[in-house]
Amino acid sequence: MGRGRVQMKRIENKVSRQVTFSKRRTGLLKKAHEISVLCDAEVALIVFSTKGKLFQYSTHSSMESILEKYESYSCAERQLVATNSAAQINWTLEYPKLTARIEVLQRNIRHYVGEDLDPLSLRELQSLEQQIDTALKRIRSRKSQLMHESISELQKKQKSLQEQNNLLAKKVKENEKTLGEWAQCNLQQNQGGQSSSTLVLPQLPRPPPFHSLTIGGPFQARGADNGSAQPHPPANTMMPPWMLRHVNQ
């Protein structure tokens, strides 16, 4: 039969209570030793019996050093708790002040936008007007400063762009001049090549004019060969070549 579940309550029987105390104390000391060895932990165990007898266990360090460490830790923890409590108290006191401050700021904002002005007196309205005028002067001053800075920046950009434009225009003129010189040189080279390649033909003798051809010579030659003289037209008579061919035949 296995052991039954033990009820967690005080054992009424004195003898059974003493026996249980002895067994549980031995097991507790054994477990404390095991955890200190296995986990390399500092363990301090203090047990007082019903009669006030002390039973204790501590690791390699003495019980006093462990207790001093415990006291320092407990003191730091108590100070932290006290600090938190003081902070809690301070926040509790500061909360109403912060709430009132927020209400004042919200009321001032409503006044600046022209709302909830009925409760204000004449002096308060004059003070509000003066504050608004001062704020407007500061706003306008800041606006003017930003405008001047923007204009100055734009002028600098304009100057830079103008310089770039002038530089580009100068480069364009230089390129146009270079292209013109190159075109003129190319044209001169082409003209020189054409004049050198032109053939010079010799002048042929011009044919005699038609009025220099007469019928006296041919007719006289033919007549001399045939041994008979034939009449011929006057020497200065002009005849076309086709007529001369027919006459010669």
C-alpha atoms as a PDB file:
ATOM      1  CA  MET A   1       0.000   0.000   0.000  1.00  0.00           C
ATOM      2  CA  GLY A   2       1.373   3.451  -0.940  1.00  0.00           C
ATOM      3  CA  ARG A   3       1.447   6.418   1.289  1.00  0.00           C
ATOM      4  CA  GLY A   4      -1.690   8.456   1.397  1.00  0.00           C
ATOM      5  CA  ARG A   5      -1.850  12.168   0.847  1.00  0.00           C
ATOM      6  CA  VAL A   6      -0.909  14.088   3.993  1.00  0.00           C
ATOM      7  CA  GLN A   7      -3.259  16.852   5.007  1.00  0.00           C
ATOM      8  CA  MET A   8      -1.538  20.185   5.561  1.00  0.00           C
ATOM      9  CA  LYS A   9      -2.605  20.912   9.112  1.00  0.00           C
ATOM     10  CA  ARG A  10      -1.088  20.780  12.573  1.00  0.00           C
ATOM     11  CA  ILE A  11      -0.486  17.300  13.896  1.00  0.00           C
ATOM     12  CA  GLU A  12      -2.300  16.992  17.189  1.00  0.00           C
ATOM     13  CA  ASN A  13      -0.386  13.962  18.456  1.00  0.00           C
ATOM     14  CA  LYS A  14       2.770  15.196  20.155  1.00  0.00           C
ATOM     15  CA  VAL A  15       4.825  12.063  19.450  1.00  0.00           C
ATOM     16  CA  SER A  16       3.804  11.960  15.777  1.00  0.00           C
ATOM     17  CA  ARG A  17       4.522  15.674  15.486  1.00  0.00           C
ATOM     18  CA  GLN A  18       8.038  15.202  16.892  1.00  0.00           C
ATOM     19  CA  VAL A  19       8.758  12.268  14.597  1.00  0.00           C
ATOM     20  CA  THR A  20       7.495  14.171  11.573  1.00  0.00           C
ATOM     21  CA  PHE A  21       9.595  17.204  12.533  1.00  0.00           C
ATOM     22  CA  SER A  22      12.756  15.121  12.772  1.00  0.00           C
ATOM     23  CA  LYS A  23      12.171  13.451   9.412  1.00  0.00           C
ATOM     24  CA  ARG A  24      11.183  16.619   7.586  1.00  0.00           C
ATOM     25  CA  ARG A  25      14.077  18.583   9.096  1.00  0.00           C
ATOM     26  CA  THR A  26      16.587  15.991   7.895  1.00  0.00           C
ATOM     27  CA  GLY A  27      15.072  16.007   4.419  1.00  0.00           C
ATOM     28  CA  LEU A  28      15.039  19.822   4.363  1.00  0.00           C
ATOM     29  CA  LEU A  29      18.719  20.030   5.299  1.00  0.00           C
ATOM     30  CA  LYS A  30      19.538  17.429   2.669  1.00  0.00           C
ATOM     31  CA  LYS A  31      17.669  19.383  -0.030  1.00  0.00           C
ATOM     32  CA  ALA A  32      19.432  22.607   0.985  1.00  0.00           C
ATOM     33  CA  HIS A  33      22.815  20.887   0.665  1.00  0.00           C
ATOM     34  CA  GLU A  34      21.880  19.416  -2.725  1.00  0.00           C
ATOM     35  CA  ILE A  35      20.773  22.739  -4.203  1.00  0.00           C
ATOM     36  CA  SER A  36      23.925  24.484  -2.908  1.00  0.00           C
ATOM     37  CA  VAL A  37      26.192  21.845  -4.488  1.00  0.00           C
ATOM     38  CA  LEU A  38      24.321  21.287  -7.759  1.00  0.00           C
ATOM     39  CA  CYS A  39      23.552  24.946  -8.491  1.00  0.00           C
ATOM     40  CA  ASP A  40      26.508  26.622  -6.756  1.00  0.00           C
ATOM     41  CA  ALA A  41      24.096  28.720  -4.704  1.00  0.00           C
ATOM     42  CA  GLU A  42      24.552  30.343  -1.320  1.00  0.00           C
ATOM     43  CA  VAL A  43      22.018  28.775   1.025  1.00  0.00           C
ATOM     44  CA  ALA A  44      21.299  29.607   4.653  1.00  0.00           C
ATOM     45  CA  LEU A  45      18.707  27.541   6.502  1.00  0.00           C
ATOM     46  CA  ILE A  46      17.513  28.305  10.050  1.00  0.00           C
ATOM     47  CA  VAL A  47      14.975  26.123  11.836  1.00  0.00           C
ATOM     48  CA  PHE A  48      13.699  26.509  15.405  1.00  0.00           C
ATOM     49  CA  SER A  49      11.821  23.651  16.990  1.00  0.00           C
ATOM     50  CA  THR A  50       8.763  23.990  19.228  1.00  0.00           C
ATOM     51  CA  LYS A  51      10.982  24.079  22.248  1.00  0.00           C
ATOM     52  CA  GLY A  52      13.219  26.763  20.720  1.00  0.00           C
ATOM     53  CA  LYS A  53      16.084  24.533  19.701  1.00  0.00           C
ATOM     54  CA  LEU A  54      18.106  25.893  16.718  1.00  0.00           C
ATOM     55  CA  PHE A  55      18.937  23.881  13.632  1.00  0.00           C
ATOM     56  CA  GLN A  56      20.863  25.638  10.826  1.00  0.00           C
ATOM     57  CA  TYR A  57      22.721  25.007   7.597  1.00  0.00           C
ATOM     58  CA  SER A  58      24.937  27.292   5.483  1.00  0.00           C
ATOM     59  CA  THR A  59      27.157  26.827   2.465  1.00  0.00           C
ATOM     60  CA  HIS A  60      30.936  27.322   2.391  1.00  0.00           C
ATOM     61  CA  SER A  61      30.512  30.984   3.309  1.00  0.00           C
ATOM     62  CA  SER A  62      29.566  31.568   6.910  1.00  0.00           C
ATOM     63  CA  MET A  63      26.057  32.204   8.125  1.00  0.00           C
ATOM     64  CA  GLU A  64      27.033  35.736   9.172  1.00  0.00           C
ATOM     65  CA  SER A  65      28.140  36.766   5.648  1.00  0.00           C
ATOM     66  CA  ILE A  66      24.926  35.424   4.151  1.00  0.00           C
ATOM     67  CA  LEU A  67      22.874  37.262   6.767  1.00  0.00           C
ATOM     68  CA  GLU A  68      24.803  40.502   6.113  1.00  0.00           C
ATOM     69  CA  LYS A  69      24.108  40.167   2.413  1.00  0.00           C
ATOM     70  CA  TYR A  70      20.474  39.567   3.197  1.00  0.00           C
ATOM     71  CA  GLU A  71      20.356  42.646   5.411  1.00  0.00           C
ATOM     72  CA  SER A  72      21.940  44.862   2.724  1.00  0.00           C
ATOM     73  CA  TYR A  73      19.511  43.569   0.125  1.00  0.00           C
ATOM     74  CA  SER A  74      16.570  44.082   2.439  1.00  0.00           C
ATOM     75  CA  CYS A  75      17.733  47.622   3.246  1.00  0.00           C
ATOM     76  CA  ALA A  76      18.065  48.505  -0.471  1.00  0.00           C
ATOM     77  CA  GLU A  77      14.641  47.056  -1.120  1.00  0.00           C
ATOM     78  CA  ARG A  78      13.149  49.047   1.727  1.00  0.00           C
ATOM     79  CA  GLN A  79      14.754  52.233   0.416  1.00  0.00           C
ATOM     80  CA  LEU A  80      13.373  51.545  -3.042  1.00  0.00           C
ATOM     81  CA  VAL A  81       9.927  50.993  -1.608  1.00  0.00           C
ATOM     82  CA  ALA A  82      10.248  54.210   0.397  1.00  0.00           C
ATOM     83  CA  THR A  83      11.367  56.117  -2.707  1.00  0.00           C
ATOM     84  CA  ASN A  84       8.453  54.763  -4.678  1.00  0.00           C
ATOM     85  CA  SER A  85       6.121  55.680  -1.852  1.00  0.00           C
ATOM     86  CA  ALA A  86       7.548  59.206  -1.715  1.00  0.00           C
ATOM     87  CA  ALA A  87       7.243  59.523  -5.478  1.00  0.00           C
ATOM     88  CA  GLN A  88       3.678  58.302  -5.250  1.00  0.00           C
ATOM     89  CA  ILE A  89       2.975  60.906  -2.599  1.00  0.00           C
ATOM     90  CA  ASN A  90       4.673  63.634  -4.693  1.00  0.00           C
ATOM     91  CA  TRP A  91       2.645  62.707  -7.765  1.00  0.00           C
ATOM     92  CA  THR A  92      -0.478  62.775  -5.640  1.00  0.00           C
ATOM     93  CA  LEU A  93       0.370  66.315  -4.556  1.00  0.00           C
ATOM     94  CA  GLU A  94       1.422  67.457  -8.032  1.00  0.00           C
ATOM     95  CA  TYR A  95      -1.668  66.212  -9.793  1.00  0.00           C
ATOM     96  CA  PRO A  96      -4.002  69.045  -8.654  1.00  0.00           C
ATOM     97  CA  LYS A  97      -1.341  71.645  -9.545  1.00  0.00           C
ATOM     98  CA  LEU A  98      -0.868  70.217 -13.029  1.00  0.00           C
ATOM     99  CA  THR A  99      -4.618  70.024 -13.551  1.00  0.00           C
ATOM    100  CA  ALA A 100      -5.046  73.677 -12.582  1.00  0.00           C
ATOM    101  CA  ARG A 101      -2.171  74.668 -14.877  1.00  0.00           C
ATOM    102  CA  ILE A 102      -3.766  72.840 -17.796  1.00  0.00           C
ATOM    103  CA  GLU A 103      -7.066  74.625 -17.170  1.00  0.00           C
ATOM    104  CA  VAL A 104      -5.325  78.021 -17.191  1.00  0.00           C
ATOM    105  CA  LEU A 105      -3.539  77.231 -20.453  1.00  0.00           C
ATOM    106  CA  GLN A 106      -6.744  76.069 -22.106  1.00  0.00           C
ATOM    107  CA  ARG A 107      -8.522  79.241 -20.988  1.00  0.00           C
ATOM    108  CA  ASN A 108      -5.706  81.394 -22.389  1.00  0.00           C
ATOM    109  CA  ILE A 109      -5.920  79.580 -25.719  1.00  0.00           C
ATOM    110  CA  ARG A 110      -9.650  80.273 -25.883  1.00  0.00           C
ATOM    111  CA  HIS A 111      -8.973  83.942 -25.141  1.00  0.00           C
ATOM    112  CA  TYR A 112      -6.326  84.161 -27.891  1.00  0.00           C
ATOM    113  CA  VAL A 113      -8.789  82.853 -30.492  1.00  0.00           C
ATOM    114  CA  GLY A 114     -11.453  85.342 -29.337  1.00  0.00           C
ATOM    115  CA  GLU A 115     -13.639  82.991 -27.329  1.00  0.00           C
ATOM    116  CA  ASP A 116     -14.968  83.210 -23.758  1.00  0.00           C
ATOM    117  CA  LEU A 117     -14.177  86.942 -23.433  1.00  0.00           C
ATOM    118  CA  ASP A 118     -17.248  87.915 -21.378  1.00  0.00           C
ATOM    119  CA  PRO A 119     -15.734  87.258 -17.933  1.00  0.00           C
ATOM    120  CA  LEU A 120     -12.675  89.439 -18.721  1.00  0.00           C
ATOM    121  CA  SER A 121     -12.431  92.994 -17.446  1.00  0.00           C
ATOM    122  CA  LEU A 122     -11.224  96.022 -19.390  1.00  0.00           C
ATOM    123  CA  ARG A 123      -7.696  95.764 -18.026  1.00  0.00           C
ATOM    124  CA  GLU A 124      -7.535  92.055 -18.836  1.00  0.00           C
ATOM    125  CA  LEU A 125      -8.759  92.740 -22.376  1.00  0.00           C
ATOM    126  CA  GLN A 126      -6.108  95.463 -22.825  1.00  0.00           C
ATOM    127  CA  SER A 127      -3.439  93.075 -21.581  1.00  0.00           C
ATOM    128  CA  LEU A 128      -4.697  90.392 -23.969  1.00  0.00           C
ATOM    129  CA  GLU A 129      -4.666  92.870 -26.849  1.00  0.00           C
ATOM    130  CA  GLN A 130      -1.101  93.907 -26.032  1.00  0.00           C
ATOM    131  CA  GLN A 131       0.001  90.264 -25.944  1.00  0.00           C
ATOM    132  CA  ILE A 132      -1.621  89.602 -29.313  1.00  0.00           C
ATOM    133  CA  ASP A 133       0.030  92.724 -30.831  1.00  0.00           C
ATOM    134  CA  THR A 134       3.416  91.603 -29.557  1.00  0.00           C
ATOM    135  CA  ALA A 135       2.840  88.153 -30.989  1.00  0.00           C
ATOM    136  CA  LEU A 136       1.826  89.660 -34.347  1.00  0.00           C
ATOM    137  CA  LYS A 137       4.973  91.790 -34.458  1.00  0.00           C
ATOM    138  CA  ARG A 138       7.121  88.735 -33.814  1.00  0.00           C
ATOM    139  CA  ILE A 139       5.246  86.760 -36.457  1.00  0.00           C
ATOM    140  CA  ARG A 140       5.640  89.522 -39.043  1.00  0.00           C
ATOM    141  CA  SER A 141       9.310  89.940 -38.210  1.00  0.00           C
ATOM    142  CA  ARG A 142       9.898  86.230 -38.648  1.00  0.00           C
ATOM    143  CA  LYS A 143       7.885  86.267 -41.880  1.00  0.00           C
ATOM    144  CA  SER A 144       9.952  89.159 -43.273  1.00  0.00           C
ATOM    145  CA  GLN A 145      13.162  87.409 -42.319  1.00  0.00           C
ATOM    146  CA  LEU A 146      12.087  84.236 -44.104  1.00  0.00           C
ATOM    147  CA  MET A 147      11.038  86.223 -47.180  1.00  0.00           C
ATOM    148  CA  HIS A 148      14.411  88.032 -47.333  1.00  0.00           C
ATOM    149  CA  GLU A 149      16.259  84.753 -46.944  1.00  0.00           C
ATOM    150  CA  SER A 150      14.142  83.202 -49.709  1.00  0.00           C
ATOM    151  CA  ILE A 151      14.752  86.176 -52.039  1.00  0.00           C
ATOM    152  CA  SER A 152      18.480  86.059 -51.351  1.00  0.00           C
ATOM    153  CA  GLU A 153      18.552  82.340 -52.083  1.00  0.00           C
ATOM    154  CA  LEU A 154      16.637  82.876 -55.337  1.00  0.00           C
ATOM    155  CA  GLN A 155      19.021  85.653 -56.364  1.00  0.00           C
ATOM    156  CA  LYS A 156      21.977  83.370 -55.754  1.00  0.00           C
ATOM    157  CA  LYS A 157      20.336  80.673 -57.874  1.00  0.00           C
ATOM    158  CA  GLN A 158      19.597  83.239 -60.607  1.00  0.00           C
ATOM    159  CA  LYS A 159      23.221  84.395 -60.613  1.00  0.00           C
ATOM    160  CA  SER A 160      24.459  80.828 -60.800  1.00  0.00           C
ATOM    161  CA  LEU A 161      22.087  80.013 -63.667  1.00  0.00           C
ATOM    162  CA  GLN A 162      23.095  83.193 -65.500  1.00  0.00           C
ATOM    163  CA  GLU A 163      26.763  82.254 -65.203  1.00  0.00           C
ATOM    164  CA  GLN A 164      25.998  78.791 -66.511  1.00  0.00           C
ATOM    165  CA  ASN A 165      24.012  80.310 -69.382  1.00  0.00           C
ATOM    166  CA  ASN A 166      26.870  82.659 -70.297  1.00  0.00           C
ATOM    167  CA  LEU A 167      29.319  79.778 -70.210  1.00  0.00           C
ATOM    168  CA  LEU A 168      27.100  77.691 -72.470  1.00  0.00           C
ATOM    169  CA  ALA A 169      26.637  80.611 -74.884  1.00  0.00           C
ATOM    170  CA  LYS A 170      30.404  81.088 -75.036  1.00  0.00           C
ATOM    171  CA  LYS A 171      30.894  77.408 -75.786  1.00  0.00           C
ATOM    172  CA  VAL A 172      28.221  77.574 -78.519  1.00  0.00           C
ATOM    173  CA  LYS A 173      29.981  80.543 -80.161  1.00  0.00           C
ATOM    174  CA  GLU A 174      33.313  78.735 -80.021  1.00  0.00           C
ATOM    175  CA  ASN A 175      31.747  75.659 -81.593  1.00  0.00           C
ATOM    176  CA  GLU A 176      30.120  77.765 -84.338  1.00  0.00           C
ATOM    177  CA  LYS A 177      33.449  79.492 -85.065  1.00  0.00           C
ATOM    178  CA  THR A 178      35.239  76.144 -85.225  1.00  0.00           C
ATOM    179  CA  LEU A 179      32.577  74.734 -87.556  1.00  0.00           C
ATOM    180  CA  GLY A 180      32.817  77.827 -89.828  1.00  0.00           C
ATOM    181  CA  GLU A 181      36.581  77.547 -90.083  1.00  0.00           C
ATOM    182  CA  TRP A 182      36.307  73.862 -90.807  1.00  0.00           C
ATOM    183  CA  ALA A 183      33.665  74.436 -93.517  1.00  0.00           C
ATOM    184  CA  GLN A 184      35.757  77.185 -95.160  1.00  0.00           C
ATOM    185  CA  CYS A 185      38.853  74.989 -95.137  1.00  0.00           C
ATOM    186  CA  ASN A 186      36.871  72.098 -96.620  1.00  0.00           C
ATOM    187  CA  LEU A 187      35.454  74.367 -99.340  1.00  0.00           C
ATOM    188  CA  GLN A 188      38.920  75.618-100.283  1.00  0.00           C
ATOM    189  CA  GLN A 189      40.200  72.049-100.484  1.00  0.00           C
ATOM    190  CA  ASN A 190      37.275  71.058-102.732  1.00  0.00           C
ATOM    191  CA  GLN A 191      37.859  74.048-105.061  1.00  0.00           C
ATOM    192  CA  GLY A 192      41.561  73.244-105.309  1.00  0.00           C
ATOM    193  CA  GLY A 193      40.790  69.625-106.213  1.00  0.00           C
ATOM    194  CA  GLN A 194      38.329  70.608-108.927  1.00  0.00           C
ATOM    195  CA  SER A 195      40.797  73.080-110.635  1.00  0.00           C
ATOM    196  CA  SER A 196      43.562  70.459-110.630  1.00  0.00           C
ATOM    197  CA  SER A 197      41.330  67.800-112.177  1.00  0.00           C
ATOM    198  CA  THR A 198      40.087  70.024-115.074  1.00  0.00           C
ATOM    199  CA  LEU A 199      41.448  68.948-118.479  1.00  0.00           C
ATOM    200  CA  VAL A 200      42.776  71.691-120.823  1.00  0.00           C
ATOM    201  CA  LEU A 201      41.844  70.789-124.399  1.00  0.00           C
ATOM    202  CA  PRO A 202      43.945  72.176-127.349  1.00  0.00           C
ATOM    203  CA  GLN A 203      42.267  74.705-129.599  1.00  0.00           C
ATOM    204  CA  LEU A 204      41.344  73.248-132.959  1.00  0.00           C
ATOM    205  CA  PRO A 205      41.591  75.358-136.142  1.00  0.00           C
ATOM    206  CA  ARG A 206      38.361  76.993-137.097  1.00  0.00           C
ATOM    207  CA  PRO A 207      36.792  75.840-140.385  1.00  0.00           C
ATOM    208  CA  PRO A 208      36.808  78.388-143.236  1.00  0.00           C
ATOM    209  CA  PRO A 209      33.679  80.420-143.658  1.00  0.00           C
ATOM    210  CA  PHE A 210      31.219  79.630-146.375  1.00  0.00           C
ATOM    211  CA  HIS A 211      31.930  82.791-148.302  1.00  0.00           C
ATOM    212  CA  SER A 212      35.563  81.699-148.951  1.00  0.00           C
ATOM    213  CA  LEU A 213      34.416  78.706-150.991  1.00  0.00           C
ATOM    214  CA  THR A 214      34.231  79.559-154.719  1.00  0.00           C
ATOM    215  CA  ILE A 215      33.349  77.472-157.685  1.00  0.00           C
ATOM    216  CA  GLY A 216      36.173  78.785-159.885  1.00  0.00           C
ATOM    217  CA  GLY A 217      38.901  76.448-158.779  1.00  0.00           C
ATOM    218  CA  PRO A 218      37.037  73.138-158.919  1.00  0.00           C
ATOM    219  CA  PHE A 219      35.389  73.819-162.208  1.00  0.00           C
ATOM    220  CA  GLN A 220      38.660  74.895-163.759  1.00  0.00           C
ATOM    221  CA  ALA A 221      40.443  71.788-162.598  1.00  0.00           C
ATOM    222  CA  ARG A 222      37.776  69.481-163.955  1.00  0.00           C
ATOM    223  CA  GLY A 223      37.768  71.365-167.262  1.00  0.00           C
ATOM    224  CA  ALA A 224      41.529  71.215-167.607  1.00  0.00           C
ATOM    225  CA  ASP A 225      41.488  67.472-167.136  1.00  0.00           C
ATOM    226  CA  ASN A 226      38.798  66.946-169.713  1.00  0.00           C
ATOM    227  CA  GLY A 227      40.529  69.231-172.163  1.00  0.00           C
ATOM    228  CA  SER A 228      37.532  71.446-172.623  1.00  0.00           C
ATOM    229  CA  ALA A 229      36.726  74.721-171.089  1.00  0.00           C
ATOM    230  CA  GLN A 230      33.320  75.091-169.584  1.00  0.00           C
ATOM    231  CA  PRO A 231      31.722  78.276-168.491  1.00  0.00           C
ATOM    232  CA  HIS A 232      31.616  78.848-164.752  1.00  0.00           C
ATOM    233  CA  PRO A 233      29.707  81.250-162.641  1.00  0.00           C
ATOM    234  CA  PRO A 234      31.338  84.347-161.305  1.00  0.00           C
ATOM    235  CA  ALA A 235      34.131  83.777-158.806  1.00  0.00           C
ATOM    236  CA  ASN A 236      32.456  85.557-155.934  1.00  0.00           C
ATOM    237  CA  THR A 237      29.215  83.518-156.114  1.00  0.00           C
ATOM    238  CA  MET A 238      28.573  81.642-152.834  1.00  0.00           C
ATOM    239  CA  MET A 239      27.198  78.098-153.022  1.00  0.00           C
ATOM    240  CA  PRO A 240      26.341  75.660-150.275  1.00  0.00           C
ATOM    241  CA  PRO A 241      28.350  72.434-149.959  1.00  0.00           C
ATOM    242  CA  TRP A 242      25.562  70.203-151.279  1.00  0.00           C
ATOM    243  CA  MET A 243      25.445  72.198-154.470  1.00  0.00           C
ATOM    244  CA  LEU A 244      29.194  71.894-154.837  1.00  0.00           C
ATOM    245  CA  ARG A 245      28.909  68.113-154.582  1.00  0.00           C
ATOM    246  CA  HIS A 246      26.331  68.046-157.361  1.00  0.00           C
ATOM    247  CA  VAL A 247      28.464  70.324-159.559  1.00  0.00           C
ATOM    248  CA  ASN A 248      31.552  68.152-159.065  1.00  0.00           C
ATOM    249  CA  GLN A 249      29.618  65.090-160.154  1.00  0.00           C
END
